[in-house]
Amino acid sequence: MRPDLLKMKEVALVYLDRTGGLQKFVDDCKRYNDSKQSYAVYRFIISVNPSDIVELDAVLGNHILNKPMKAAQIFQSVCFIAIKTLSLIEQLQTEAQINVVLKPTHLPPLPSYVLSLCEFPLDYMSQRFYMSEGIVIAMGTVTKYTQGARFLCSEETCPFSEGFNYIRVHIPGATESATVRNDFMCNLCASPLREDMKFRVLGDKQVVEMMDAKALSAFQGYSTNKPHFRIQSFTVFLRDELSNKMKMGNQYKFIGIPACIQNCSQASVCIEVYSIQLCSTPYINDNFKYLLSLTSSSCWRFTAILANIFASQVVPPGTYNMLKLCILLSLVQTCDRDSETADYLDLLIVTNDTLICILAFYSAK
């Protein structure tokens, strides 16, 4: 075994031991072993903190960030050795039966790890982690997909006509036909492979359509100081434990691996999601919510009341309502968190009234 590969496996084991991941792995193995059922694929979820792993070994940390498929193979080998050494799962036969899913807790806050579908070119075939953000605009029902399957050689005299030598598992961006189909060949005798259907492992899958949060600026109306742009939705896949973790209309930050799916003559970009975080929504005072519920029968009453009482410390309520309404509209379109989508409503106020000057100054503060 190459020394660098052996070192990365040792670091992976040390990290699992330090973070409690090894104990969780043992508990998962115990559940599989207690079931007394033989599976084609044993799936293990391992949460990894890239920053902590980089401190232990920079090479393994780089693999997790930029080559997650190879990093998963390293953890897969460690898990297999642990299972065989400690006799955790009696039914397990080959290393190929272990499916390790690495889920990073976060990614470095660098531009190269932020997925922007507006930028071109983008290497969709890199199969590495990106973080992105979007608003859910459509959701599909939860359906089934093939996590893994067992194949046997159709030639009875071939040694691979039994056992668990040919195991296929789902990888990010792969379609169902990439995991299971009838044209696989045996590497030993070149005979066709046949699937052992009773060992197929199914999981949950949900398709979600999202759009970039910048698309909300389209609802601010026409703007002369911005170039025209087109917003296009993108597809994300939620699998297994992440199914039904998103809700319509909410904004989420997520970490996933982009992939390009070829469908006949069309190619589409999708993202396999590995972690989800709900974006914090602005806090709305309970008094405002109560006022909105009371005035919901009219489309103007709520804003009229706000304009009436706005800046009551400066000017008497009920005066300069039109001006105060315009200032409120300007404040609503002002966003400190996202300067790119902010579209300020400029106001020109000409007056010799001292109260109005004080009001404008008060609003600017």
Protein backbone atom coordinates (compact mmCIF):
# COMPACT_ATOMS: atom_id res chain seq x y z
CA MET A 1 0.00 0.00 0.00
CA ARG A 2 1.25 3.48 -0.83
CA PRO A 3 2.58 5.31 2.25
CA ASP A 4 0.49 8.43 1.59
CA LEU A 5 -2.69 6.34 1.29
CA LEU A 6 -1.88 4.46 4.49
CA LYS A 7 -1.32 7.75 6.30
CA MET A 8 -4.69 9.13 5.16
CA LYS A 9 -6.42 5.99 6.41
CA GLU A 10 -4.71 6.37 9.78
CA VAL A 11 -5.78 10.01 9.97
CA ALA A 12 -9.35 9.08 9.06
CA LEU A 13 -9.44 6.55 11.89
CA VAL A 14 -7.96 9.06 14.36
CA TYR A 15 -10.54 11.67 13.33
CA LEU A 16 -13.45 9.25 13.76
CA ASP A 17 -12.15 8.28 17.20
CA ARG A 18 -11.70 11.89 18.36
CA THR A 19 -15.06 13.17 17.15
CA GLY A 20 -17.23 10.28 18.33
CA GLY A 21 -17.85 9.13 14.78
CA LEU A 22 -16.29 5.76 15.52
CA GLN A 23 -18.79 5.04 18.29
CA LYS A 24 -21.66 6.07 16.01
CA PHE A 25 -20.27 3.76 13.34
CA VAL A 26 -20.14 0.86 15.82
CA ASP A 27 -23.76 1.54 16.85
CA ASP A 28 -24.86 1.53 13.19
CA CYS A 29 -23.04 -1.76 12.65
CA LYS A 30 -24.77 -3.25 15.68
CA ARG A 31 -28.19 -2.42 14.20
CA TYR A 32 -27.23 -4.08 10.92
CA ASN A 33 -25.85 -7.14 12.72
CA ASP A 34 -28.86 -7.52 15.00
CA SER A 35 -31.19 -7.60 12.01
CA LYS A 36 -29.61 -10.93 10.94
CA GLN A 37 -30.40 -9.96 7.36
CA SER A 38 -27.84 -9.91 4.58
CA TYR A 39 -27.77 -6.66 2.59
CA ALA A 40 -26.13 -5.90 -0.73
CA VAL A 41 -25.13 -2.46 0.57
CA TYR A 42 -24.51 -1.20 4.09
CA ARG A 43 -24.90 2.57 4.17
CA PHE A 44 -23.04 4.72 6.72
CA ILE A 45 -23.29 8.50 7.12
CA ILE A 46 -20.13 10.19 8.39
CA SER A 47 -20.13 13.86 9.31
CA VAL A 48 -16.79 15.52 8.59
CA ASN A 49 -15.42 18.90 9.59
CA PRO A 50 -12.99 19.93 6.82
CA SER A 51 -11.16 22.39 9.07
CA ASP A 52 -10.40 19.76 11.71
CA ILE A 53 -9.25 17.21 9.13
CA VAL A 54 -6.99 19.75 7.42
CA GLU A 55 -5.25 20.30 10.76
CA LEU A 56 -4.64 16.56 11.06
CA ASP A 57 -3.63 15.97 7.45
CA ALA A 58 -3.79 18.53 4.65
CA VAL A 59 -3.87 15.88 1.90
CA LEU A 60 -6.93 14.14 3.32
CA GLY A 61 -8.60 17.52 3.87
CA ASN A 62 -7.96 18.43 0.25
CA HIS A 63 -9.48 15.11 -0.85
CA ILE A 64 -12.66 15.79 1.14
CA LEU A 65 -13.06 19.29 -0.30
CA ASN A 66 -12.04 18.66 -3.89
CA LYS A 67 -12.19 14.88 -4.40
CA PRO A 68 -15.01 13.65 -2.15
CA MET A 69 -15.44 10.39 -4.08
CA LYS A 70 -11.83 9.39 -3.39
CA ALA A 71 -12.15 10.53 0.22
CA ALA A 72 -15.22 8.33 0.61
CA GLN A 73 -13.19 5.35 -0.65
CA ILE A 74 -10.59 6.01 2.05
CA PHE A 75 -13.24 6.04 4.78
CA GLN A 76 -14.85 3.00 3.14
CA SER A 77 -11.61 1.04 3.50
CA VAL A 78 -11.23 2.12 7.13
CA CYS A 79 -14.80 1.06 7.90
CA PHE A 80 -14.30 -2.33 6.23
CA ILE A 81 -11.11 -3.05 8.20
CA ALA A 82 -12.86 -2.01 11.44
CA ILE A 83 -15.83 -4.28 10.74
CA LYS A 84 -13.64 -7.28 9.96
CA THR A 85 -11.23 -6.68 12.84
CA LEU A 86 -13.95 -6.20 15.46
CA SER A 87 -16.43 -8.64 13.84
CA LEU A 88 -19.15 -5.98 13.82
CA ILE A 89 -21.26 -7.35 10.92
CA GLU A 90 -21.13 -11.09 10.37
CA GLN A 91 -23.02 -10.95 7.07
CA LEU A 92 -20.55 -8.54 5.39
CA GLN A 93 -18.33 -10.20 2.78
CA THR A 94 -16.63 -7.59 0.59
CA GLU A 95 -15.52 -3.98 0.89
CA ALA A 96 -17.71 -3.04 -2.08
CA GLN A 97 -20.78 -3.61 0.10
CA ILE A 98 -19.95 -0.57 2.22
CA ASN A 99 -21.43 2.71 1.04
CA VAL A 100 -19.94 5.69 2.91
CA VAL A 101 -21.67 9.06 2.56
CA LEU A 102 -19.51 11.98 3.69
CA LYS A 103 -21.42 15.04 4.85
CA PRO A 104 -19.29 18.16 5.43
CA THR A 105 -20.36 20.44 8.26
CA HIS A 106 -19.26 23.51 6.28
CA LEU A 107 -17.02 24.66 3.46
CA PRO A 108 -14.30 27.32 3.43
CA PRO A 109 -15.78 30.81 2.91
CA LEU A 110 -13.95 31.26 -0.38
CA PRO A 111 -15.41 32.24 -3.78
CA SER A 112 -14.22 28.99 -5.37
CA TYR A 113 -16.56 27.01 -3.11
CA VAL A 114 -19.65 29.11 -3.87
CA LEU A 115 -21.76 27.73 -6.70
CA SER A 116 -22.98 30.38 -9.10
CA LEU A 117 -24.90 29.17 -12.12
CA CYS A 118 -24.47 32.65 -13.63
CA GLU A 119 -20.72 32.16 -14.09
CA PHE A 120 -19.35 30.42 -17.15
CA PRO A 121 -17.58 28.13 -17.61
CA LEU A 122 -18.26 25.93 -14.61
CA ASP A 123 -16.78 22.47 -14.33
CA TYR A 124 -19.88 20.38 -13.74
CA MET A 125 -17.85 17.16 -13.96
CA SER A 126 -15.50 17.98 -11.07
CA GLN A 127 -17.83 16.21 -8.59
CA ARG A 128 -16.76 18.25 -5.60
CA PHE A 129 -18.64 20.10 -2.90
CA TYR A 130 -20.07 23.57 -3.42
CA MET A 131 -22.28 25.70 -1.23
CA SER A 132 -25.22 27.55 -2.66
CA GLU A 133 -28.41 29.29 -1.66
CA GLY A 134 -31.88 29.40 -3.13
CA ILE A 135 -35.63 29.67 -2.62
CA VAL A 136 -37.89 26.65 -3.04
CA ILE A 137 -40.45 27.25 -5.81
CA ALA A 138 -41.62 23.69 -6.53
CA MET A 139 -41.45 20.31 -4.84
CA GLY A 140 -42.11 16.80 -6.04
CA THR A 141 -43.40 13.84 -4.09
CA VAL A 142 -41.03 11.42 -2.39
CA THR A 143 -40.25 8.48 -4.67
CA LYS A 144 -37.90 5.52 -4.53
CA TYR A 145 -34.46 5.15 -6.07
CA THR A 146 -31.85 2.39 -6.03
CA GLN A 147 -29.19 2.90 -3.36
CA GLY A 148 -27.36 -0.26 -4.33
CA ALA A 149 -27.75 -3.56 -6.13
CA ARG A 150 -26.00 -6.91 -6.38
CA PHE A 151 -25.06 -8.43 -9.72
CA LEU A 152 -23.95 -12.00 -10.50
CA CYS A 153 -22.26 -13.49 -13.51
CA SER A 154 -24.70 -15.41 -15.69
CA GLU A 155 -22.06 -18.10 -16.39
CA GLU A 156 -22.53 -20.71 -13.67
CA THR A 157 -18.92 -21.95 -13.86
CA CYS A 158 -17.55 -18.46 -13.28
CA PRO A 159 -16.32 -17.76 -9.72
CA PHE A 160 -18.26 -14.48 -9.80
CA SER A 161 -21.59 -16.27 -10.29
CA GLU A 162 -21.96 -16.10 -6.51
CA GLY A 163 -20.85 -13.83 -3.69
CA PHE A 164 -20.82 -10.03 -3.54
CA ASN A 165 -18.15 -9.18 -6.09
CA TYR A 166 -20.29 -6.94 -8.31
CA ILE A 167 -21.98 -4.25 -6.21
CA ARG A 168 -23.24 -1.06 -7.78
CA VAL A 169 -24.18 1.96 -5.65
CA HIS A 170 -25.63 5.36 -6.48
CA ILE A 171 -23.16 8.18 -7.02
CA PRO A 172 -23.96 11.93 -7.25
CA GLY A 173 -25.60 12.85 -10.53
CA ALA A 174 -26.16 9.27 -11.64
CA THR A 175 -29.51 8.29 -13.11
CA GLU A 176 -31.35 5.10 -12.24
CA SER A 177 -30.13 3.45 -15.45
CA ALA A 178 -26.53 4.14 -14.45
CA THR A 179 -26.97 2.06 -11.31
CA VAL A 180 -29.11 -0.81 -12.61
CA ARG A 181 -29.43 -2.02 -16.20
CA ASN A 182 -28.94 -5.23 -18.17
CA ASP A 183 -25.81 -4.58 -20.26
CA PHE A 184 -23.10 -4.99 -17.59
CA MET A 185 -20.40 -7.56 -18.38
CA CYS A 186 -18.29 -9.80 -16.18
CA ASN A 187 -14.67 -8.66 -15.94
CA LEU A 188 -13.44 -12.24 -15.66
CA CYS A 189 -15.28 -14.15 -18.41
CA ALA A 190 -17.07 -11.32 -20.30
CA SER A 191 -20.45 -12.94 -19.75
CA PRO A 192 -23.51 -10.76 -19.10
CA LEU A 193 -24.31 -9.87 -15.50
CA ARG A 194 -27.76 -10.38 -14.04
CA GLU A 195 -29.16 -8.57 -11.03
CA ASP A 196 -30.12 -10.45 -7.90
CA MET A 197 -33.38 -8.61 -7.32
CA LYS A 198 -33.88 -9.76 -3.74
CA PHE A 199 -30.78 -7.82 -2.70
CA ARG A 200 -31.75 -4.48 -4.24
CA VAL A 201 -31.63 -1.66 -1.66
CA LEU A 202 -34.07 1.22 -2.14
CA GLY A 203 -34.02 4.74 -0.70
CA ASP A 204 -36.16 7.88 -0.74
CA LYS A 205 -35.68 10.63 -3.31
CA GLN A 206 -37.32 14.04 -3.70
CA VAL A 207 -36.87 16.50 -6.55
CA VAL A 208 -36.99 20.19 -5.63
CA GLU A 209 -36.90 23.21 -7.93
CA MET A 210 -35.14 26.29 -6.56
CA MET A 211 -34.30 29.76 -7.79
CA ASP A 212 -31.60 32.21 -6.87
CA ALA A 213 -32.55 34.66 -4.13
CA LYS A 214 -31.55 37.50 -6.47
CA ALA A 215 -34.66 36.75 -8.50
CA LEU A 216 -36.70 38.53 -5.83
CA SER A 217 -35.33 41.83 -7.11
CA ALA A 218 -37.59 41.37 -10.13
CA PHE A 219 -40.56 42.13 -7.88
CA GLN A 220 -39.11 45.55 -7.07
CA GLY A 221 -40.19 46.80 -10.46
CA TYR A 222 -38.29 48.23 -13.37
CA SER A 223 -34.92 49.75 -12.59
CA THR A 224 -32.81 51.88 -14.91
CA ASN A 225 -29.57 51.44 -12.97
CA LYS A 226 -29.41 47.64 -13.41
CA PRO A 227 -28.66 45.52 -16.46
CA HIS A 228 -31.37 43.20 -17.65
CA PHE A 229 -30.99 39.61 -16.54
CA ARG A 230 -32.79 36.29 -16.76
CA ILE A 231 -33.45 34.05 -13.78
CA GLN A 232 -33.62 30.31 -14.36
CA SER A 233 -34.53 27.70 -11.76
CA PHE A 234 -32.29 24.76 -10.96
CA THR A 235 -33.00 21.26 -9.70
CA VAL A 236 -31.76 19.77 -6.44
CA PHE A 237 -32.11 16.19 -5.24
CA LEU A 238 -32.91 15.37 -1.62
CA ARG A 239 -32.22 11.76 -0.76
CA ASP A 240 -33.04 9.51 2.17
CA GLU A 241 -32.83 11.39 5.50
CA LEU A 242 -33.02 14.78 3.73
CA SER A 243 -36.38 14.06 2.08
CA ASN A 244 -39.14 16.49 3.13
CA LYS A 245 -36.57 18.70 4.89
CA MET A 246 -37.44 21.69 2.69
CA LYS A 247 -40.67 23.68 2.61
CA MET A 248 -42.20 25.69 -0.19
CA GLY A 249 -41.17 29.35 -0.23
CA ASN A 250 -38.36 29.05 2.31
CA GLN A 251 -34.81 30.10 1.58
CA TYR A 252 -32.04 27.59 2.28
CA LYS A 253 -28.29 27.37 2.24
CA PHE A 254 -27.03 23.96 1.24
CA ILE A 255 -23.90 22.01 0.39
CA GLY A 256 -23.99 19.70 -2.58
CA ILE A 257 -22.25 18.28 -5.61
CA PRO A 258 -23.36 19.60 -9.03
CA ALA A 259 -23.78 17.21 -11.91
CA CYS A 260 -24.78 17.38 -15.54
CA ILE A 261 -27.54 14.97 -16.57
CA GLN A 262 -27.95 14.11 -20.23
CA ASN A 263 -31.55 13.49 -21.25
CA CYS A 264 -31.76 12.64 -24.96
CA SER A 265 -30.51 15.76 -26.74
CA GLN A 266 -30.84 18.04 -23.69
CA ALA A 267 -28.45 18.50 -20.80
CA SER A 268 -29.52 19.88 -17.44
CA VAL A 269 -27.64 20.81 -14.29
CA CYS A 270 -28.72 19.36 -10.98
CA ILE A 271 -27.28 19.38 -7.47
CA GLU A 272 -27.09 16.44 -5.07
CA VAL A 273 -27.65 17.98 -1.64
CA TYR A 274 -25.68 16.72 1.36
CA SER A 275 -26.60 19.25 4.05
CA ILE A 276 -29.33 21.85 4.47
CA GLN A 277 -29.55 24.99 6.59
CA LEU A 278 -32.62 27.21 6.78
CA CYS A 279 -31.73 30.87 6.23
CA SER A 280 -32.73 33.11 9.10
CA THR A 281 -35.76 35.22 8.30
CA PRO A 282 -36.04 38.84 9.46
CA TYR A 283 -37.74 39.16 12.81
CA ILE A 284 -41.22 40.66 12.60
CA ASN A 285 -42.64 42.17 15.74
CA ASP A 286 -45.79 40.53 17.09
CA ASN A 287 -47.54 43.91 17.12
CA PHE A 288 -47.00 44.23 13.38
CA LYS A 289 -48.37 40.73 12.82
CA TYR A 290 -51.44 41.55 14.91
CA LEU A 291 -51.98 44.84 13.05
CA LEU A 292 -51.71 43.03 9.71
CA SER A 293 -54.31 40.47 10.78
CA LEU A 294 -56.70 43.24 11.79
CA THR A 295 -56.33 45.11 8.50
CA SER A 296 -56.18 42.10 6.15
CA SER A 297 -59.60 42.96 4.69
CA SER A 298 -58.14 46.02 2.95
CA CYS A 299 -55.06 46.21 0.75
CA TRP A 300 -54.32 49.82 1.77
CA ARG A 301 -55.30 50.02 5.44
CA PHE A 302 -52.12 48.46 6.81
CA THR A 303 -49.75 50.77 4.90
CA ALA A 304 -51.98 53.80 5.64
CA ILE A 305 -51.78 53.14 9.39
CA LEU A 306 -48.00 52.69 9.21
CA ALA A 307 -47.58 55.94 7.30
CA ASN A 308 -49.88 57.70 9.77
CA ILE A 309 -47.83 56.74 12.84
CA PHE A 310 -44.39 56.71 11.22
CA ALA A 311 -41.87 59.10 12.86
CA SER A 312 -44.43 60.22 15.42
CA GLN A 313 -41.53 61.42 17.60
CA VAL A 314 -40.69 64.03 14.97
CA VAL A 315 -43.94 65.10 13.32
CA PRO A 316 -47.53 64.80 14.56
CA PRO A 317 -49.40 61.67 13.40
CA GLY A 318 -51.55 62.21 10.35
CA THR A 319 -49.33 64.86 8.73
CA TYR A 320 -47.26 64.43 5.57
CA ASN A 321 -48.64 60.92 5.05
CA MET A 322 -47.71 60.80 1.35
CA LEU A 323 -44.11 61.76 2.09
CA LYS A 324 -43.84 59.28 4.95
CA LEU A 325 -45.25 56.52 2.75
CA CYS A 326 -42.57 57.21 0.12
CA ILE A 327 -39.85 57.13 2.78
CA LEU A 328 -41.20 53.81 4.06
CA LEU A 329 -41.06 52.37 0.55
CA SER A 330 -37.45 53.49 0.25
CA LEU A 331 -36.58 51.87 3.58
CA VAL A 332 -38.25 48.60 2.59
CA GLN A 333 -36.08 48.34 -0.53
CA THR A 334 -32.91 49.01 1.47
CA CYS A 335 -31.10 45.79 2.43
CA ASP A 336 -27.84 45.78 4.34
CA ARG A 337 -27.25 42.03 3.87
CA ASP A 338 -27.29 41.93 0.07
CA SER A 339 -26.03 45.06 -1.62
CA GLU A 340 -26.27 43.44 -5.08
CA THR A 341 -30.05 43.19 -5.03
CA ALA A 342 -30.67 46.46 -3.21
CA ASP A 343 -32.46 48.99 -5.40
CA TYR A 344 -32.80 52.20 -3.48
CA LEU A 345 -35.76 54.48 -4.07
CA ASP A 346 -34.27 57.94 -4.37
CA LEU A 347 -36.41 60.80 -3.08
CA LEU A 348 -36.08 64.47 -3.96
CA ILE A 349 -37.77 66.64 -1.32
CA VAL A 350 -38.03 70.40 -1.93
CA THR A 351 -39.47 72.34 1.00
CA ASN A 352 -39.02 75.26 3.33
CA ASP A 353 -40.81 73.43 6.17
CA THR A 354 -38.44 72.63 9.00
CA LEU A 355 -40.51 69.64 10.10
CA ILE A 356 -40.07 67.92 6.72
CA CYS A 357 -36.31 68.46 6.80
CA ILE A 358 -36.18 66.93 10.28
CA LEU A 359 -38.32 64.00 9.07
CA ALA A 360 -36.00 63.28 6.16
CA PHE A 361 -32.97 63.43 8.42
CA TYR A 362 -34.67 61.13 10.94
CA SER A 363 -35.42 58.57 8.23
CA ALA A 364 -31.87 58.65 6.91
CA LYS A 365 -30.56 57.76 10.34
